[in-house]
């Protein structure tokens, strides 16, 4: 090993001593940037969904499965619906991070919340259509012309359930009724939760049931197939969509419910707002990116009202689009995430600016390393010149016998023999030995 050290091209010890402080500075800056930028997202998030057995709840479970693949635990928070979700997200006292929110269902609530202040919200995009389903009992419509509900006017005389407070159907239905000249206080509505309301609807306690739900909702699936229950057709859907910007005209295609039974027997026009995935503005960008990617996989499939890849979409969003969501809709998933595990790709993606800044700072400082390294190696040799110069001065003054000076020189030469330097500095080591030999000759002549 000692022989090996003598023939190295570089001195690892001196190189470490020269470059060590700069490496330490880089590590301190990197650790500081890590804690400042917080590139790693939280491992647990809360998603506000909706009532039990609703489409919001079923989609929430799918988000749970998607995020679990990346080590993120998604806790589902059951709520009354869209308006309640928005209220929870804007209230800093609650730990809700994401929530489903239906377009156009909470304009008055939003105005009140804006006046009071609260957490700023951003949209991750529109996810799916949620048609306004007005189911009614056929026996309640027997007295109507044609035995069917042809307009919304008869609803003021019926027992109609629009869901619990905080859910979406009530504001939408009231706006539609007002558009038909029916005052808000002229309508008496039941406000039962979805489960009890469906039960009351089946036993005849209710004449009509209003739901705003994706067709995947369990209640919608049951009601579409139940005998004695009919679905209201929005024949004026196009006109309503022109009056209310957040409503879209959609069509329930003929036979989509049951091809064998040809149900429904014809295309049914409906009105549908779009549902958004909403987050707080300060939500970690990596979580936003993960949720948008999950939305792409969950809602990108074709459905009853949408073609493949129609959703998620940056369109029909009432809130500002989150920066990470906008980035996804523009160019897809980040490049690194297509080839690297999420955690590594996210770390690089969040830290590369800091890394470049640290490198830019250390490059000028790094120019000091070679001179420092050279000084440390050469100092092993040059420090002995002080002793050699002392012996020469003692010889010139004549105060010390030449024999003693010669003995001191021999000890100096023995120490010089043990000096190890990289091969590129051996010329200076041999120069020291040569100078020791010159002084030895002078001492011998002086004896």
Protein backbone atom coordinates (compact mmCIF):
# COMPACT_ATOMS: atom_id res chain seq x y z
CA UNK A 1 0.00 0.00 0.00
CA UNK A 2 2.76 2.60 0.82
CA UNK A 3 4.40 1.82 -2.52
CA UNK A 4 1.06 2.27 -4.29
CA UNK A 5 0.58 5.67 -2.64
CA UNK A 6 3.94 6.80 -3.95
CA UNK A 7 3.01 6.27 -7.60
CA UNK A 8 -0.47 7.84 -7.67
CA UNK A 9 -1.19 10.65 -10.12
CA UNK A 10 -3.39 12.47 -7.61
CA UNK A 11 -3.45 12.77 -3.86
CA UNK A 12 -6.94 11.87 -2.71
CA UNK A 13 -6.29 13.33 0.73
CA UNK A 14 -5.17 16.71 -0.61
CA UNK A 15 -7.91 16.76 -3.23
CA UNK A 16 -10.50 16.10 -0.53
CA UNK A 17 -9.07 18.81 1.69
CA UNK A 18 -9.07 21.32 -1.18
CA UNK A 19 -12.51 20.48 -2.61
CA UNK A 20 -14.20 19.40 0.63
CA UNK A 21 -15.41 22.86 1.72
CA UNK A 22 -17.04 23.43 -1.66
CA UNK A 23 -18.72 20.02 -1.56
CA UNK A 24 -19.99 20.86 1.92
CA UNK A 25 -21.34 24.22 0.70
CA UNK A 26 -23.09 22.46 -2.19
CA UNK A 27 -24.69 19.95 0.18
CA UNK A 28 -25.86 22.68 2.55
CA UNK A 29 -27.38 24.64 -0.34
CA UNK A 30 -29.00 21.49 -1.74
CA UNK A 31 -30.52 20.54 1.62
CA UNK A 32 -31.71 24.14 2.10
CA UNK A 33 -33.31 24.13 -1.35
CA UNK A 34 -34.98 20.80 -0.59
CA UNK A 35 -36.65 22.10 2.55
CA UNK A 36 -37.51 25.41 0.89
CA UNK A 37 -39.03 23.92 -2.26
CA UNK A 38 -40.54 20.85 -0.56
CA UNK A 39 -40.42 18.70 -3.72
CA UNK A 40 -41.88 15.62 -2.03
CA UNK A 41 -45.69 15.76 -1.74
CA UNK A 42 -47.61 14.72 1.39
CA UNK A 43 -48.41 11.02 1.66
CA UNK A 44 -52.02 11.63 2.68
CA UNK A 45 -54.71 13.82 1.09
CA UNK A 46 -58.43 14.29 1.68
CA UNK A 47 -60.91 14.20 -1.20
CA UNK A 48 -64.42 15.58 -0.60
CA UNK A 49 -66.89 13.41 -2.52
CA UNK A 50 -70.65 13.41 -1.95
CA UNK A 51 -73.50 11.40 -0.44
CA UNK A 52 -73.30 7.66 0.01
CA UNK A 53 -73.93 5.64 -3.17
CA UNK A 54 -73.50 8.76 -5.34
CA UNK A 55 -71.37 8.96 -8.47
CA UNK A 56 -69.00 11.26 -6.56
CA UNK A 57 -68.38 8.50 -4.04
CA UNK A 58 -67.82 5.84 -6.72
CA UNK A 59 -65.35 8.02 -8.59
CA UNK A 60 -63.62 8.87 -5.31
CA UNK A 61 -62.91 5.18 -4.75
CA UNK A 62 -61.31 4.97 -8.19
CA UNK A 63 -59.05 7.91 -7.34
CA UNK A 64 -58.08 6.05 -4.17
CA UNK A 65 -56.91 3.08 -6.22
CA UNK A 66 -55.05 5.23 -8.75
CA UNK A 67 -53.12 7.27 -6.18
CA UNK A 68 -52.35 4.22 -4.07
CA UNK A 69 -50.03 3.02 -6.85
CA UNK A 70 -47.82 6.04 -6.09
CA UNK A 71 -47.92 5.61 -2.33
CA UNK A 72 -50.50 8.36 -1.75
CA UNK A 73 -53.32 7.61 0.68
CA UNK A 74 -56.57 9.29 -0.40
CA UNK A 75 -59.09 9.69 2.41
CA UNK A 76 -62.66 10.16 1.17
CA UNK A 77 -64.78 12.74 2.99
CA UNK A 78 -68.52 12.13 2.53
CA UNK A 79 -70.50 15.37 2.12
CA UNK A 80 -73.93 16.57 1.06
CA UNK A 81 -72.62 17.39 -2.39
CA UNK A 82 -71.03 20.02 -4.58
CA UNK A 83 -71.88 23.13 -2.58
CA UNK A 84 -70.66 21.53 0.65
CA UNK A 85 -67.42 20.51 -1.06
CA UNK A 86 -66.77 24.07 -2.15
CA UNK A 87 -67.44 25.37 1.35
CA UNK A 88 -65.04 22.83 2.90
CA UNK A 89 -62.29 23.63 0.41
CA UNK A 90 -62.48 27.35 1.03
CA UNK A 91 -62.48 26.99 4.83
CA UNK A 92 -58.91 26.76 6.12
CA UNK A 93 -60.11 25.04 9.29
CA UNK A 94 -60.87 21.88 7.34
CA UNK A 95 -58.17 19.57 6.02
CA UNK A 96 -59.80 18.94 2.64
CA UNK A 97 -57.35 19.13 -0.29
CA UNK A 98 -59.48 18.15 -3.31
CA UNK A 99 -63.18 17.95 -4.06
CA UNK A 100 -65.72 17.38 -6.80
CA UNK A 101 -67.67 20.49 -7.73
CA UNK A 102 -70.51 20.80 -10.17
CA UNK A 103 -70.61 23.76 -12.50
CA UNK A 104 -73.16 26.48 -11.83
CA UNK A 105 -74.50 25.01 -8.61
CA UNK A 106 -73.15 27.52 -6.12
CA UNK A 107 -72.96 30.98 -7.66
CA UNK A 108 -74.69 32.63 -4.69
CA UNK A 109 -72.54 30.66 -2.26
CA UNK A 110 -69.41 31.70 -4.15
CA UNK A 111 -70.38 35.37 -4.00
CA UNK A 112 -70.91 35.16 -0.24
CA UNK A 113 -67.64 33.29 0.29
CA UNK A 114 -65.69 35.75 -1.84
CA UNK A 115 -67.02 38.55 0.35
CA UNK A 116 -65.91 36.72 3.52
CA UNK A 117 -62.57 35.62 2.09
CA UNK A 118 -61.17 32.11 2.31
CA UNK A 119 -58.84 29.73 0.52
CA UNK A 120 -58.39 30.40 -3.20
CA UNK A 121 -59.46 27.49 -5.40
CA UNK A 122 -58.22 26.22 -8.75
CA UNK A 123 -59.66 23.73 -11.20
CA UNK A 124 -57.93 20.61 -12.44
CA UNK A 125 -60.37 20.45 -15.36
CA UNK A 126 -63.85 19.23 -16.24
CA UNK A 127 -64.33 15.52 -15.63
CA UNK A 128 -67.72 14.42 -16.92
CA UNK A 129 -71.27 15.47 -17.64
CA UNK A 130 -73.81 15.18 -14.85
CA UNK A 131 -77.26 15.31 -16.41
CA UNK A 132 -80.26 16.71 -14.59
CA UNK A 133 -82.45 13.64 -14.13
CA UNK A 134 -86.10 14.39 -13.30
CA UNK A 135 -87.75 11.07 -12.61
CA UNK A 136 -91.51 11.02 -12.01
CA UNK A 137 -94.12 8.41 -11.25
CA UNK A 138 -96.33 7.60 -14.22
CA UNK A 139 -99.38 7.39 -11.97
CA UNK A 140 -98.77 11.01 -10.87
CA UNK A 141 -98.79 12.09 -14.54
CA UNK A 142 -102.05 10.35 -15.51
CA UNK A 143 -104.04 13.58 -15.17
CA UNK A 144 -101.61 15.52 -17.39
CA UNK A 145 -102.17 15.86 -21.16
CA UNK A 146 -100.82 12.78 -22.88
CA UNK A 147 -100.19 11.15 -19.51
CA UNK A 148 -96.63 12.50 -19.40
CA UNK A 149 -94.70 15.39 -17.90
CA UNK A 150 -94.23 17.67 -20.91
CA UNK A 151 -93.05 20.80 -19.04
CA UNK A 152 -91.78 21.82 -15.62
CA UNK A 153 -94.93 23.73 -14.66
CA UNK A 154 -96.76 20.80 -12.95
CA UNK A 155 -93.84 20.37 -10.51
CA UNK A 156 -95.16 23.23 -8.35
CA UNK A 157 -98.13 21.04 -7.42
CA UNK A 158 -96.11 17.85 -6.86
CA UNK A 159 -94.08 16.48 -4.01
CA UNK A 160 -90.55 16.80 -5.38
CA UNK A 161 -87.29 15.87 -3.67
CA UNK A 162 -84.12 17.71 -4.68
CA UNK A 163 -81.65 16.30 -2.17
CA UNK A 164 -80.16 17.36 1.15
CA UNK A 165 -78.94 20.88 1.79
CA UNK A 166 -75.57 21.45 0.22
CA UNK A 167 -76.31 19.18 -2.74
CA UNK A 168 -76.50 20.38 -6.32
CA UNK A 169 -80.00 19.65 -7.69
CA UNK A 170 -81.88 22.35 -5.76
CA UNK A 171 -80.15 25.47 -7.18
CA UNK A 172 -80.33 24.11 -10.72
CA UNK A 173 -84.00 23.16 -10.51
CA UNK A 174 -84.95 26.53 -8.96
CA UNK A 175 -83.23 28.39 -11.80
CA UNK A 176 -85.06 26.27 -14.36
CA UNK A 177 -88.39 26.88 -12.62
CA UNK A 178 -87.74 30.61 -12.41
CA UNK A 179 -86.99 30.61 -16.13
CA UNK A 180 -90.52 29.20 -16.55
CA UNK A 181 -92.04 32.00 -14.45
CA UNK A 182 -92.36 29.98 -11.25
CA UNK A 183 -91.28 31.96 -8.18
CA UNK A 184 -88.94 30.35 -5.67
CA UNK A 185 -91.40 30.61 -2.78
CA UNK A 186 -94.15 29.01 -4.88
CA UNK A 187 -92.37 25.66 -4.85
CA UNK A 188 -92.41 23.28 -1.91
CA UNK A 189 -89.50 20.90 -2.07
CA UNK A 190 -88.47 17.93 0.04
CA UNK A 191 -84.82 17.95 1.11
CA UNK A 192 -84.19 14.30 1.96
CA UNK A 193 -80.88 12.59 1.36
CA UNK A 194 -80.64 10.39 -1.69
CA UNK A 195 -81.17 6.99 -0.01
CA UNK A 196 -84.35 7.85 1.96
CA UNK A 197 -85.62 9.91 -0.99
CA UNK A 198 -85.39 6.94 -3.39
CA UNK A 199 -87.21 4.76 -0.87
CA UNK A 200 -89.96 7.39 -0.49
CA UNK A 201 -90.19 7.69 -4.26
CA UNK A 202 -90.74 3.96 -4.66
CA UNK A 203 -93.47 3.79 -2.03
CA UNK A 204 -95.38 6.73 -3.54
CA UNK A 205 -94.60 9.34 -0.88
CA UNK A 206 -92.93 11.46 -3.57
CA UNK A 207 -94.19 12.29 -7.05
CA UNK A 208 -90.86 13.28 -8.55
CA UNK A 209 -87.19 12.93 -7.75
CA UNK A 210 -84.50 15.27 -9.09
CA UNK A 211 -80.94 14.03 -9.31
CA UNK A 212 -77.85 15.59 -10.81
CA UNK A 213 -75.57 12.66 -11.35
CA UNK A 214 -73.41 10.85 -13.84
CA UNK A 215 -75.16 7.78 -15.29
CA UNK A 216 -72.77 5.57 -13.29
CA UNK A 217 -74.65 6.56 -10.11
CA UNK A 218 -76.42 3.60 -8.51
CA UNK A 219 -79.71 5.48 -8.05
CA UNK A 220 -79.81 6.52 -11.72
CA UNK A 221 -79.13 2.98 -12.90
CA UNK A 222 -81.98 1.61 -10.77
CA UNK A 223 -84.51 4.32 -11.66
CA UNK A 224 -83.89 4.03 -15.41
CA UNK A 225 -84.94 0.37 -15.27
CA UNK A 226 -87.78 0.59 -12.75
CA UNK A 227 -91.33 0.05 -14.15
CA UNK A 228 -93.80 2.83 -13.40
CA UNK A 229 -91.08 5.50 -13.40
CA UNK A 230 -90.50 7.84 -16.35
CA UNK A 231 -87.74 10.28 -17.22
CA UNK A 232 -88.54 13.91 -18.07
CA UNK A 233 -87.31 14.90 -21.54
CA UNK A 234 -85.87 18.38 -21.90
CA UNK A 235 -87.32 19.17 -25.32
CA UNK A 236 -86.13 22.77 -24.86
CA UNK A 237 -82.61 21.70 -23.86
CA UNK A 238 -80.92 23.80 -26.54
CA UNK A 239 -82.74 26.94 -25.38
CA UNK A 240 -81.87 26.27 -21.75
CA UNK A 241 -78.19 25.81 -22.66
CA UNK A 242 -78.22 29.21 -24.39
CA UNK A 243 -79.74 30.85 -21.31
CA UNK A 244 -77.49 29.14 -18.75
CA UNK A 245 -73.85 28.94 -19.83
CA UNK A 246 -72.95 26.19 -17.35
CA UNK A 247 -75.59 23.81 -18.80
CA UNK A 248 -74.96 21.69 -21.89
CA UNK A 249 -77.43 19.92 -24.11
CA UNK A 250 -76.67 16.21 -24.09
CA UNK A 251 -78.53 13.24 -25.51
CA UNK A 252 -79.28 9.93 -23.86
CA UNK A 253 -78.96 7.67 -26.93
CA UNK A 254 -81.68 5.24 -27.89
CA UNK A 255 -81.07 1.77 -26.45
CA UNK A 256 -78.09 2.81 -24.27
CA UNK A 257 -79.77 1.63 -21.05
CA UNK A 258 -80.78 -1.79 -22.39
CA UNK A 259 -80.15 -2.75 -26.01
CA UNK A 260 -82.33 -5.88 -25.81
CA UNK A 261 -85.35 -3.94 -24.53
CA UNK A 262 -84.57 -0.89 -26.68
CA UNK A 263 -84.54 1.34 -23.60
CA UNK A 264 -84.99 4.21 -24.02
CA UNK A 265 -87.02 3.75 -27.22
CA UNK A 266 -85.75 7.05 -28.66
CA UNK A 267 -83.08 9.68 -28.08
CA UNK A 268 -83.79 11.67 -24.93
CA UNK A 269 -82.53 15.29 -24.74
CA UNK A 270 -81.20 16.26 -21.31
CA UNK A 271 -79.40 19.15 -19.65
CA UNK A 272 -76.06 18.58 -17.99
CA UNK A 273 -73.55 20.72 -16.12
CA UNK A 274 -69.98 19.50 -16.06
CA UNK A 275 -68.29 18.43 -12.86
CA UNK A 276 -64.83 19.75 -12.05
CA UNK A 277 -62.08 18.42 -9.83
CA UNK A 278 -61.11 21.34 -7.60
CA UNK A 279 -58.13 21.90 -5.32
CA UNK A 280 -56.85 24.58 -3.04
CA UNK A 281 -54.42 26.94 -4.73
CA UNK A 282 -51.61 26.02 -2.31
CA UNK A 283 -51.95 22.26 -2.89
CA UNK A 284 -48.61 20.63 -3.66
CA UNK A 285 -47.97 20.75 -7.45
CA UNK A 286 -46.93 17.10 -7.56
CA UNK A 287 -50.29 16.07 -6.09
CA UNK A 288 -52.10 18.20 -8.67
CA UNK A 289 -50.11 16.49 -11.41
CA UNK A 290 -50.93 13.03 -10.04
CA UNK A 291 -54.65 13.80 -9.75
CA UNK A 292 -54.81 15.15 -13.30
CA UNK A 293 -53.10 12.02 -14.60
CA UNK A 294 -55.52 9.87 -12.60
CA UNK A 295 -58.44 11.86 -14.05
CA UNK A 296 -57.10 11.16 -17.55
CA UNK A 297 -57.19 7.42 -16.89
CA UNK A 298 -60.53 7.40 -15.05
CA UNK A 299 -62.59 9.78 -17.17
CA UNK A 300 -60.93 9.36 -20.55
CA UNK A 301 -63.02 6.35 -21.51
CA UNK A 302 -66.14 6.69 -23.69
CA UNK A 303 -69.43 6.92 -21.82
CA UNK A 304 -73.13 7.49 -22.28
CA UNK A 305 -72.64 11.19 -23.01
CA UNK A 306 -68.98 11.57 -23.99
CA UNK A 307 -66.64 10.21 -26.61
CA UNK A 308 -63.26 8.69 -25.78
CA UNK A 309 -60.70 11.26 -24.56
CA UNK A 310 -63.31 14.01 -24.44
CA UNK A 311 -62.64 14.26 -20.70
CA UNK A 312 -60.88 15.47 -18.66
CA UNK A 313 -60.86 18.84 -20.35
CA UNK A 314 -59.65 22.36 -19.68
CA UNK A 315 -62.94 23.68 -21.07
CA UNK A 316 -66.12 24.56 -19.14
CA UNK A 317 -64.18 25.43 -16.01
CA UNK A 318 -65.58 28.21 -13.82
CA UNK A 319 -62.37 28.49 -11.81
CA UNK A 320 -58.80 29.34 -12.88
CA UNK A 321 -56.97 26.31 -14.20
CA UNK A 322 -54.15 25.05 -11.96
CA UNK A 323 -50.70 25.58 -13.47
CA UNK A 324 -49.83 21.87 -13.34
CA UNK A 325 -53.17 20.99 -14.94
CA UNK A 326 -52.58 23.49 -17.72
CA UNK A 327 -49.14 21.97 -18.25
CA UNK A 328 -50.69 18.49 -18.53
CA UNK A 329 -53.36 19.53 -21.05
CA UNK A 330 -50.72 21.30 -23.13
CA UNK A 331 -47.98 18.65 -23.27
CA UNK A 332 -49.11 15.56 -21.35
CA UNK A 333 -47.27 14.03 -18.36
CA UNK A 334 -43.80 15.44 -17.56
CA UNK A 335 -41.09 13.88 -19.72
CA UNK A 336 -39.20 12.30 -16.83
CA UNK A 337 -42.32 10.63 -15.45
CA UNK A 338 -42.67 8.69 -18.70
CA UNK A 339 -39.38 6.87 -18.04
CA UNK A 340 -38.63 7.14 -14.31
CA UNK A 341 -40.54 6.24 -11.15
CA UNK A 342 -42.79 9.07 -10.00
CA UNK A 343 -40.85 9.98 -6.85
CA UNK A 344 -37.49 10.21 -8.64
CA UNK A 345 -38.94 12.05 -11.64
CA UNK A 346 -40.77 14.49 -9.39
CA UNK A 347 -37.66 15.16 -7.30
CA UNK A 348 -35.61 15.99 -10.38
CA UNK A 349 -38.43 18.01 -11.91
CA UNK A 350 -38.85 20.15 -8.77
CA UNK A 351 -35.16 20.50 -7.97
CA UNK A 352 -33.45 21.02 -11.32
CA UNK A 353 -33.66 24.81 -11.14
CA UNK A 354 -32.08 24.76 -7.69
CA UNK A 355 -29.40 22.32 -8.91
CA UNK A 356 -28.51 24.55 -11.85
CA UNK A 357 -28.36 27.59 -9.56
CA UNK A 358 -26.04 25.80 -7.15
CA UNK A 359 -23.81 24.64 -10.00
CA UNK A 360 -23.72 28.16 -11.43
CA UNK A 361 -22.62 29.45 -8.01
CA UNK A 362 -19.97 26.79 -7.47
CA UNK A 363 -18.33 26.98 -10.91
CA UNK A 364 -16.51 30.30 -10.16
CA UNK A 365 -15.66 29.12 -6.66
CA UNK A 366 -14.44 25.81 -8.06
CA UNK A 367 -11.62 27.60 -9.85
CA UNK A 368 -9.91 27.97 -6.48
CA UNK A 369 -9.69 24.19 -6.02
CA UNK A 370 -6.72 23.50 -8.39
CA UNK A 371 -4.47 26.22 -6.85
CA UNK A 372 -5.38 25.02 -3.35
CA UNK A 373 -4.62 21.45 -4.29
CA UNK A 374 -1.29 22.45 -5.82
CA UNK A 375 -0.39 24.52 -2.76
CA UNK A 376 -1.14 21.65 -0.36
CA UNK A 377 0.99 19.14 -2.30
CA UNK A 378 3.90 21.52 -2.82
CA UNK A 379 3.80 22.64 0.80
CA UNK A 380 4.89 19.13 1.83
CA UNK A 381 8.14 19.80 -0.02
CA UNK A 382 8.69 23.51 0.43
CA UNK A 383 8.33 23.49 4.21
CA UNK A 384 11.67 21.59 4.41
CA UNK A 385 13.44 24.40 2.57
CA UNK A 386 13.06 26.45 5.75
CA UNK A 387 15.14 23.90 7.65
CA UNK A 388 17.64 23.66 4.79
CA UNK A 389 17.98 27.45 4.70
CA UNK A 390 18.56 27.47 8.48
CA UNK A 391 21.44 25.01 8.15
CA UNK A 392 23.02 27.23 5.47
CA UNK A 393 22.70 30.32 7.67
CA UNK A 394 24.28 28.48 10.64
CA UNK A 395 27.15 27.45 8.37
CA UNK A 396 27.66 31.03 7.19
CA UNK A 397 27.65 32.44 10.73
CA UNK A 398 30.14 29.84 11.98
CA UNK A 399 28.35 29.49 15.29
CA UNK A 400 27.71 25.73 14.95
CA UNK A 401 30.38 23.12 14.14
CA UNK A 402 30.03 21.69 10.60
CA UNK A 403 29.80 18.16 12.02
CA UNK A 404 26.62 19.00 13.94
CA UNK A 405 25.15 20.73 10.89
CA UNK A 406 25.97 17.69 8.78
CA UNK A 407 24.13 15.44 11.28
CA UNK A 408 21.12 17.77 11.12
CA UNK A 409 21.24 17.63 7.34
CA UNK A 410 21.26 13.83 7.42
CA UNK A 411 18.15 13.86 9.59
CA UNK A 412 16.53 16.30 7.16
CA UNK A 413 17.35 14.05 4.23
CA UNK A 414 15.89 11.04 6.03
CA UNK A 415 12.61 12.90 6.49
CA UNK A 416 12.65 13.99 2.83
CA UNK A 417 12.95 10.32 1.87
CA UNK A 418 9.58 9.66 3.49
CA UNK A 419 7.76 12.45 1.64
CA UNK A 420 5.03 11.09 -0.69
CA UNK A 421 3.73 13.25 -3.52
CA UNK A 422 1.82 12.47 -6.73
CA UNK A 423 3.96 11.60 -9.74
CA UNK A 424 3.34 15.00 -11.31
CA UNK A 425 5.20 16.68 -8.40
CA UNK A 426 8.20 14.34 -8.12
CA UNK A 427 10.42 16.82 -9.99
CA UNK A 428 10.11 19.22 -7.09
CA UNK A 429 10.84 16.43 -4.61
CA UNK A 430 14.00 15.54 -6.54
CA UNK A 431 14.92 19.23 -6.63
CA UNK A 432 14.76 19.27 -2.80
CA UNK A 433 17.02 16.25 -2.59
CA UNK A 434 19.42 17.86 -5.05
CA UNK A 435 19.59 21.02 -2.94
CA UNK A 436 20.24 18.91 0.17
CA UNK A 437 23.16 17.34 -1.70
CA UNK A 438 24.55 20.79 -2.59
CA UNK A 439 24.46 21.89 1.06
CA UNK A 440 26.12 18.61 2.09
CA UNK A 441 29.04 19.34 -0.26
CA UNK A 442 29.47 22.81 1.27
CA UNK A 443 29.52 21.30 4.77
CA UNK A 444 32.13 18.73 3.78
CA UNK A 445 34.35 21.46 2.33
CA UNK A 446 33.99 23.50 5.51
CA UNK A 447 35.19 20.67 7.78
